[in-house]
All heavy atoms as atom14 arrays in JSON, in Angstrom:
{
  "sequence": "EQGHYRQALNFARQWSTWPDRSLKHCFKTVVAEC",
  "atom14_mask": [
    [1, 1, 1, 1, 1, 1, 1, 1, 1, 0, 0, 0, 0, 0],
    [1, 1, 1, 1, 1, 1, 1, 1, 1, 0, 0, 0, 0, 0],
    [1, 1, 1, 1, 0, 0, 0, 0, 0, 0, 0, 0, 0, 0],
    [1, 1, 1, 1, 1, 1, 1, 1, 1, 1, 0, 0, 0, 0],
    [1, 1, 1, 1, 1, 1, 1, 1, 1, 1, 1, 1, 0, 0],
    [1, 1, 1, 1, 1, 1, 1, 1, 1, 1, 1, 0, 0, 0],
    [1, 1, 1, 1, 1, 1, 1, 1, 1, 0, 0, 0, 0, 0],
    [1, 1, 1, 1, 1, 0, 0, 0, 0, 0, 0, 0, 0, 0],
    [1, 1, 1, 1, 1, 1, 1, 1, 0, 0, 0, 0, 0, 0],
    [1, 1, 1, 1, 1, 1, 1, 1, 0, 0, 0, 0, 0, 0],
    [1, 1, 1, 1, 1, 1, 1, 1, 1, 1, 1, 0, 0, 0],
    [1, 1, 1, 1, 1, 0, 0, 0, 0, 0, 0, 0, 0, 0],
    [1, 1, 1, 1, 1, 1, 1, 1, 1, 1, 1, 0, 0, 0],
    [1, 1, 1, 1, 1, 1, 1, 1, 1, 0, 0, 0, 0, 0],
    [1, 1, 1, 1, 1, 1, 1, 1, 1, 1, 1, 1, 1, 1],
    [1, 1, 1, 1, 1, 1, 0, 0, 0, 0, 0, 0, 0, 0],
    [1, 1, 1, 1, 1, 1, 1, 0, 0, 0, 0, 0, 0, 0],
    [1, 1, 1, 1, 1, 1, 1, 1, 1, 1, 1, 1, 1, 1],
    [1, 1, 1, 1, 1, 1, 1, 0, 0, 0, 0, 0, 0, 0],
    [1, 1, 1, 1, 1, 1, 1, 1, 0, 0, 0, 0, 0, 0],
    [1, 1, 1, 1, 1, 1, 1, 1, 1, 1, 1, 0, 0, 0],
    [1, 1, 1, 1, 1, 1, 0, 0, 0, 0, 0, 0, 0, 0],
    [1, 1, 1, 1, 1, 1, 1, 1, 0, 0, 0, 0, 0, 0],
    [1, 1, 1, 1, 1, 1, 1, 1, 1, 0, 0, 0, 0, 0],
    [1, 1, 1, 1, 1, 1, 1, 1, 1, 1, 0, 0, 0, 0],
    [1, 1, 1, 1, 1, 1, 0, 0, 0, 0, 0, 0, 0, 0],
    [1, 1, 1, 1, 1, 1, 1, 1, 1, 1, 1, 0, 0, 0],
    [1, 1, 1, 1, 1, 1, 1, 1, 1, 0, 0, 0, 0, 0],
    [1, 1, 1, 1, 1, 1, 1, 0, 0, 0, 0, 0, 0, 0],
    [1, 1, 1, 1, 1, 1, 1, 0, 0, 0, 0, 0, 0, 0],
    [1, 1, 1, 1, 1, 1, 1, 0, 0, 0, 0, 0, 0, 0],
    [1, 1, 1, 1, 1, 0, 0, 0, 0, 0, 0, 0, 0, 0],
    [1, 1, 1, 1, 1, 1, 1, 1, 1, 0, 0, 0, 0, 0],
    [1, 1, 1, 1, 1, 1, 0, 0, 0, 0, 0, 0, 0, 0]
  ],
  "atom14_positions": [
    [[-37.33, -22.23, 79.89], [-38.78, -22.42, 79.74], [-39.46, -22.59, 81.09], [-40.65, -22.31, 81.22], [-39.05, -23.63, 78.84], [-38.71, -23.38, 77.37], [-38.99, -24.59, 76.49], [-39.09, -25.72, 77.02], [-39.08, -24.42, 75.26], [0.0, 0.0, 0.0], [0.0, 0.0, 0.0], [0.0, 0.0, 0.0], [0.0, 0.0, 0.0], [0.0, 0.0, 0.0]],
    [[-38.71, -23.05, 82.06], [-39.27, -23.2, 83.41], [-39.06, -21.96, 84.27], [-39.46, -21.94, 85.44], [-38.62, -24.42, 84.1], [-38.96, -25.74, 83.43], [-38.13, -26.9, 83.98], [-36.94, -26.77, 84.24], [-38.79, -28.03, 84.2], [0.0, 0.0, 0.0], [0.0, 0.0, 0.0], [0.0, 0.0, 0.0], [0.0, 0.0, 0.0], [0.0, 0.0, 0.0]],
    [[-38.44, -20.93, 83.69], [-38.21, -19.69, 84.41], [-37.03, -19.72, 85.36], [-36.88, -18.84, 86.21], [0.0, 0.0, 0.0], [0.0, 0.0, 0.0], [0.0, 0.0, 0.0], [0.0, 0.0, 0.0], [0.0, 0.0, 0.0], [0.0, 0.0, 0.0], [0.0, 0.0, 0.0], [0.0, 0.0, 0.0], [0.0, 0.0, 0.0], [0.0, 0.0, 0.0]],
    [[-36.15, -20.71, 85.21], [-34.99, -20.85, 86.09], [-33.78, -20.15, 85.46], [-32.81, -20.8, 85.05], [-34.69, -22.33, 86.34], [-35.82, -23.07, 86.99], [-36.01, -24.43, 86.86], [-36.85, -22.63, 87.77], [-37.1, -24.8, 87.53], [-37.61, -23.72, 88.09], [0.0, 0.0, 0.0], [0.0, 0.0, 0.0], [0.0, 0.0, 0.0], [0.0, 0.0, 0.0]],
    [[-33.82, -18.85, 85.39], [-32.8, -18.09, 84.66], [-31.44, -18.11, 85.37], [-30.4, -18.32, 84.73], [-33.28, -16.65, 84.48], [-34.61, -16.56, 83.77], [-35.74, -16.09, 84.44], [-34.75, -16.98, 82.45], [-36.97, -16.03, 83.8], [-35.97, -16.92, 81.8], [-37.09, -16.46, 82.49], [-38.29, -16.42, 81.84], [0.0, 0.0, 0.0], [0.0, 0.0, 0.0]],
    [[-31.42, -17.91, 86.66], [-30.16, -17.93, 87.4], [-29.54, -19.32, 87.37], [-28.33, -19.49, 87.22], [-30.38, -17.47, 88.84], [-29.08, -17.44, 89.66], [-29.31, -16.84, 91.03], [-29.67, -15.43, 90.94], [-29.93, -14.68, 91.99], [-29.88, -15.2, 93.22], [-30.24, -13.41, 91.83], [0.0, 0.0, 0.0], [0.0, 0.0, 0.0], [0.0, 0.0, 0.0]],
    [[-30.38, -20.35, 87.48], [-29.9, -21.73, 87.42], [-29.28, -22.02, 86.06], [-28.25, -22.68, 85.96], [-31.07, -22.68, 87.69], [-30.67, -24.16, 87.77], [-31.87, -25.05, 88.03], [-32.98, -24.57, 88.31], [-31.67, -26.35, 87.93], [0.0, 0.0, 0.0], [0.0, 0.0, 0.0], [0.0, 0.0, 0.0], [0.0, 0.0, 0.0], [0.0, 0.0, 0.0]],
    [[-29.9, -21.5, 85.01], [-29.37, -21.7, 83.65], [-28.0, -21.05, 83.5], [-27.08, -21.63, 82.91], [-30.34, -21.13, 82.62], [0.0, 0.0, 0.0], [0.0, 0.0, 0.0], [0.0, 0.0, 0.0], [0.0, 0.0, 0.0], [0.0, 0.0, 0.0], [0.0, 0.0, 0.0], [0.0, 0.0, 0.0], [0.0, 0.0, 0.0], [0.0, 0.0, 0.0]],
    [[-27.84, -19.84, 84.04], [-26.56, -19.14, 83.96], [-25.48, -19.89, 84.75], [-24.35, -20.06, 84.27], [-26.71, -17.72, 84.5], [-25.45, -16.84, 84.45], [-24.93, -16.71, 83.03], [-25.73, -15.48, 85.05], [0.0, 0.0, 0.0], [0.0, 0.0, 0.0], [0.0, 0.0, 0.0], [0.0, 0.0, 0.0], [0.0, 0.0, 0.0], [0.0, 0.0, 0.0]],
    [[-25.82, -20.36, 85.92], [-24.86, -21.11, 86.73], [-24.45, -22.41, 86.04], [-23.29, -22.82, 86.08], [-25.44, -21.4, 88.12], [-25.52, -20.17, 88.99], [-24.76, -19.22, 88.78], [-26.42, -20.17, 89.96], [0.0, 0.0, 0.0], [0.0, 0.0, 0.0], [0.0, 0.0, 0.0], [0.0, 0.0, 0.0], [0.0, 0.0, 0.0], [0.0, 0.0, 0.0]],
    [[-25.43, -23.08, 85.43], [-25.14, -24.32, 84.7], [-24.15, -24.03, 83.57], [-23.18, -24.78, 83.38], [-26.43, -24.92, 84.14], [-26.18, -26.08, 83.2], [-25.97, -27.36, 83.69], [-26.16, -25.88, 81.82], [-25.74, -28.43, 82.83], [-25.93, -26.94, 80.96], [-25.72, -28.22, 81.47], [0.0, 0.0, 0.0], [0.0, 0.0, 0.0], [0.0, 0.0, 0.0]],
    [[-24.41, -22.96, 82.8], [-23.53, -22.62, 81.68], [-22.1, -22.39, 82.16], [-21.13, -22.85, 81.53], [-24.06, -21.38, 80.96], [0.0, 0.0, 0.0], [0.0, 0.0, 0.0], [0.0, 0.0, 0.0], [0.0, 0.0, 0.0], [0.0, 0.0, 0.0], [0.0, 0.0, 0.0], [0.0, 0.0, 0.0], [0.0, 0.0, 0.0], [0.0, 0.0, 0.0]],
    [[-21.95, -21.7, 83.26], [-20.61, -21.43, 83.79], [-19.9, -22.71, 84.22], [-18.73, -22.93, 83.91], [-20.72, -20.47, 84.98], [-21.05, -19.03, 84.59], [-21.36, -18.2, 85.82], [-21.56, -16.79, 85.5], [-22.17, -15.93, 86.31], [-22.62, -16.34, 87.5], [-22.32, -14.68, 85.94], [0.0, 0.0, 0.0], [0.0, 0.0, 0.0], [0.0, 0.0, 0.0]],
    [[-20.63, -23.57, 84.92], [-20.0, -24.8, 85.41], [-19.75, -25.79, 84.29], [-18.71, -26.46, 84.25], [-20.88, -25.43, 86.51], [-20.95, -24.57, 87.76], [-21.66, -25.3, 88.9], [-21.17, -26.31, 89.42], [-22.82, -24.8, 89.29], [0.0, 0.0, 0.0], [0.0, 0.0, 0.0], [0.0, 0.0, 0.0], [0.0, 0.0, 0.0], [0.0, 0.0, 0.0]],
    [[-20.69, -25.9, 83.37], [-20.52, -26.79, 82.21], [-19.25, -26.41, 81.45], [-18.5, -27.28, 80.98], [-21.75, -26.68, 81.31], [-21.68, -27.53, 80.07], [-22.12, -28.81, 79.92], [-21.13, -27.15, 78.79], [-21.87, -29.26, 78.64], [-21.26, -28.26, 77.93], [-20.53, -25.99, 78.3], [-20.84, -28.24, 76.61], [-20.09, -25.97, 76.98], [-20.24, -27.08, 76.15]],
    [[-19.0, -25.12, 81.32], [-17.89, -24.62, 80.5], [-16.52, -24.89, 81.08], [-15.51, -24.73, 80.39], [-18.06, -23.11, 80.28], [-19.29, -22.82, 79.65], [0.0, 0.0, 0.0], [0.0, 0.0, 0.0], [0.0, 0.0, 0.0], [0.0, 0.0, 0.0], [0.0, 0.0, 0.0], [0.0, 0.0, 0.0], [0.0, 0.0, 0.0], [0.0, 0.0, 0.0]],
    [[-16.44, -25.29, 82.34], [-15.13, -25.55, 82.97], [-14.57, -26.93, 82.62], [-13.41, -27.21, 82.92], [-15.23, -25.43, 84.5], [-16.12, -26.44, 85.0], [-15.74, -24.04, 84.91], [0.0, 0.0, 0.0], [0.0, 0.0, 0.0], [0.0, 0.0, 0.0], [0.0, 0.0, 0.0], [0.0, 0.0, 0.0], [0.0, 0.0, 0.0], [0.0, 0.0, 0.0]],
    [[-15.37, -27.77, 81.99], [-14.91, -29.11, 81.65], [-14.0, -29.07, 80.42], [-14.07, -28.14, 79.61], [-16.1, -30.03, 81.39], [-16.85, -30.41, 82.63], [-17.48, -29.57, 83.49], [-17.05, -31.73, 83.13], [-18.06, -30.28, 84.52], [-17.81, -31.61, 84.32], [-16.67, -33.0, 82.72], [-18.18, -32.72, 85.08], [-17.05, -34.11, 83.47], [-17.79, -33.95, 84.64]],
    [[-13.14, -30.1, 80.21], [-12.24, -30.12, 79.05], [-13.02, -30.06, 77.73], [-14.12, -30.61, 77.6], [-11.52, -31.48, 79.2], [-11.59, -31.78, 80.65], [-12.91, -31.23, 81.12], [0.0, 0.0, 0.0], [0.0, 0.0, 0.0], [0.0, 0.0, 0.0], [0.0, 0.0, 0.0], [0.0, 0.0, 0.0], [0.0, 0.0, 0.0], [0.0, 0.0, 0.0]],
    [[-12.43, -29.38, 76.76], [-12.99, -29.25, 75.41], [-14.35, -28.57, 75.4], [-15.19, -28.82, 74.51], [-13.09, -30.62, 74.72], [-11.73, -31.24, 74.51], [-10.78, -30.5, 74.18], [-11.6, -32.47, 74.69], [0.0, 0.0, 0.0], [0.0, 0.0, 0.0], [0.0, 0.0, 0.0], [0.0, 0.0, 0.0], [0.0, 0.0, 0.0], [0.0, 0.0, 0.0]],
    [[-14.62, -27.75, 76.4], [-15.85, -26.96, 76.43], [-15.47, -25.5, 76.67], [-14.36, -25.2, 77.11], [-16.79, -27.43, 77.54], [-17.19, -28.9, 77.47], [-18.13, -29.22, 78.63], [-18.4, -30.66, 78.76], [-19.13, -31.18, 79.73], [-19.66, -30.4, 80.66], [-19.35, -32.49, 79.8], [0.0, 0.0, 0.0], [0.0, 0.0, 0.0], [0.0, 0.0, 0.0]],
    [[-16.39, -24.61, 76.39], [-16.14, -23.19, 76.64], [-17.47, -22.47, 76.77], [-18.5, -22.95, 76.27], [-15.32, -22.56, 75.52], [-16.1, -22.49, 74.33], [0.0, 0.0, 0.0], [0.0, 0.0, 0.0], [0.0, 0.0, 0.0], [0.0, 0.0, 0.0], [0.0, 0.0, 0.0], [0.0, 0.0, 0.0], [0.0, 0.0, 0.0], [0.0, 0.0, 0.0]],
    [[-17.45, -21.33, 77.42], [-18.66, -20.53, 77.56], [-19.14, -20.05, 76.19], [-20.34, -19.98, 75.93], [-18.39, -19.33, 78.48], [-19.61, -18.69, 79.16], [-20.42, -19.72, 79.94], [-19.16, -17.56, 80.08], [0.0, 0.0, 0.0], [0.0, 0.0, 0.0], [0.0, 0.0, 0.0], [0.0, 0.0, 0.0], [0.0, 0.0, 0.0], [0.0, 0.0, 0.0]],
    [[-18.18, -19.77, 75.3], [-18.53, -19.35, 73.94], [-19.31, -20.43, 73.21], [-20.34, -20.17, 72.58], [-17.26, -18.99, 73.17], [-17.51, -18.56, 71.73], [-16.19, -18.26, 71.02], [-16.43, -17.89, 69.56], [-15.15, -17.61, 68.85], [0.0, 0.0, 0.0], [0.0, 0.0, 0.0], [0.0, 0.0, 0.0], [0.0, 0.0, 0.0], [0.0, 0.0, 0.0]],
    [[-18.81, -21.67, 73.3], [-19.5, -22.77, 72.63], [-20.88, -22.99, 73.25], [-21.86, -23.27, 72.55], [-18.69, -24.05, 72.72], [-19.36, -25.24, 72.11], [-19.56, -25.36, 70.76], [-19.92, -26.35, 72.68], [-20.2, -26.49, 70.5], [-20.43, -27.11, 71.65], [0.0, 0.0, 0.0], [0.0, 0.0, 0.0], [0.0, 0.0, 0.0], [0.0, 0.0, 0.0]],
    [[-20.95, -22.88, 74.56], [-22.23, -23.04, 75.25], [-23.24, -22.0, 74.74], [-24.39, -22.32, 74.44], [-22.03, -22.89, 76.75], [-23.51, -23.24, 77.73], [0.0, 0.0, 0.0], [0.0, 0.0, 0.0], [0.0, 0.0, 0.0], [0.0, 0.0, 0.0], [0.0, 0.0, 0.0], [0.0, 0.0, 0.0], [0.0, 0.0, 0.0], [0.0, 0.0, 0.0]],
    [[-22.78, -20.75, 74.62], [-23.64, -19.68, 74.12], [-24.12, -19.99, 72.7], [-25.29, -19.78, 72.37], [-22.88, -18.36, 74.16], [-23.64, -17.2, 73.59], [-24.73, -16.65, 74.28], [-23.29, -16.65, 72.36], [-25.45, -15.59, 73.75], [-24.0, -15.59, 71.83], [-25.08, -15.06, 72.53], [0.0, 0.0, 0.0], [0.0, 0.0, 0.0], [0.0, 0.0, 0.0]],
    [[-23.21, -20.51, 71.86], [-23.58, -20.85, 70.49], [-24.69, -21.89, 70.45], [-25.61, -21.81, 69.63], [-22.35, -21.39, 69.74], [-21.39, -20.33, 69.24], [-20.29, -21.01, 68.43], [-19.34, -19.99, 67.85], [-18.27, -20.65, 67.04], [0.0, 0.0, 0.0], [0.0, 0.0, 0.0], [0.0, 0.0, 0.0], [0.0, 0.0, 0.0], [0.0, 0.0, 0.0]],
    [[-24.6, -22.89, 71.32], [-25.62, -23.94, 71.31], [-26.98, -23.4, 71.73], [-28.01, -23.84, 71.22], [-25.23, -25.12, 72.23], [-25.21, -24.68, 73.59], [-23.89, -25.71, 71.84], [0.0, 0.0, 0.0], [0.0, 0.0, 0.0], [0.0, 0.0, 0.0], [0.0, 0.0, 0.0], [0.0, 0.0, 0.0], [0.0, 0.0, 0.0], [0.0, 0.0, 0.0]],
    [[-26.98, -22.44, 72.65], [-28.25, -21.85, 73.09], [-28.85, -21.0, 71.98], [-30.05, -21.08, 71.7], [-28.04, -21.0, 74.36], [-29.35, -20.31, 74.75], [-27.56, -21.88, 75.51], [0.0, 0.0, 0.0], [0.0, 0.0, 0.0], [0.0, 0.0, 0.0], [0.0, 0.0, 0.0], [0.0, 0.0, 0.0], [0.0, 0.0, 0.0], [0.0, 0.0, 0.0]],
    [[-28.02, -20.21, 71.31], [-28.5, -19.37, 70.2], [-29.04, -20.25, 69.08], [-30.11, -19.99, 68.52], [-27.37, -18.45, 69.68], [-27.81, -17.73, 68.41], [-26.98, -17.44, 70.75], [0.0, 0.0, 0.0], [0.0, 0.0, 0.0], [0.0, 0.0, 0.0], [0.0, 0.0, 0.0], [0.0, 0.0, 0.0], [0.0, 0.0, 0.0], [0.0, 0.0, 0.0]],
    [[-28.29, -21.32, 68.74], [-28.74, -22.23, 67.69], [-30.07, -22.88, 68.05], [-30.91, -23.13, 67.18], [-27.68, -23.3, 67.43], [0.0, 0.0, 0.0], [0.0, 0.0, 0.0], [0.0, 0.0, 0.0], [0.0, 0.0, 0.0], [0.0, 0.0, 0.0], [0.0, 0.0, 0.0], [0.0, 0.0, 0.0], [0.0, 0.0, 0.0], [0.0, 0.0, 0.0]],
    [[-30.25, -23.13, 69.32], [-31.48, -23.75, 69.79], [-32.69, -22.84, 69.57], [-33.81, -23.3, 69.35], [-31.34, -24.08, 71.28], [-32.48, -24.87, 71.87], [-32.65, -26.23, 71.23], [-31.67, -26.81, 70.76], [-33.81, -26.7, 71.18], [0.0, 0.0, 0.0], [0.0, 0.0, 0.0], [0.0, 0.0, 0.0], [0.0, 0.0, 0.0], [0.0, 0.0, 0.0]],
    [[-32.45, -21.55, 69.61], [-33.54, -20.57, 69.49], [-33.7, -20.05, 68.06], [-34.66, -19.32, 67.78], [-33.3, -19.4, 70.44], [-33.21, -19.89, 72.18], [0.0, 0.0, 0.0], [0.0, 0.0, 0.0], [0.0, 0.0, 0.0], [0.0, 0.0, 0.0], [0.0, 0.0, 0.0], [0.0, 0.0, 0.0], [0.0, 0.0, 0.0], [0.0, 0.0, 0.0]]
  ]
}
């Protein structure tokens, strides 16, 4: 919403490296949000 598209992509990648997380799950939460 703030237009920070590259920052959002980088956040998703880094968030997904933590235990019990994944890029797939991250994508699901974004889709569900919309």
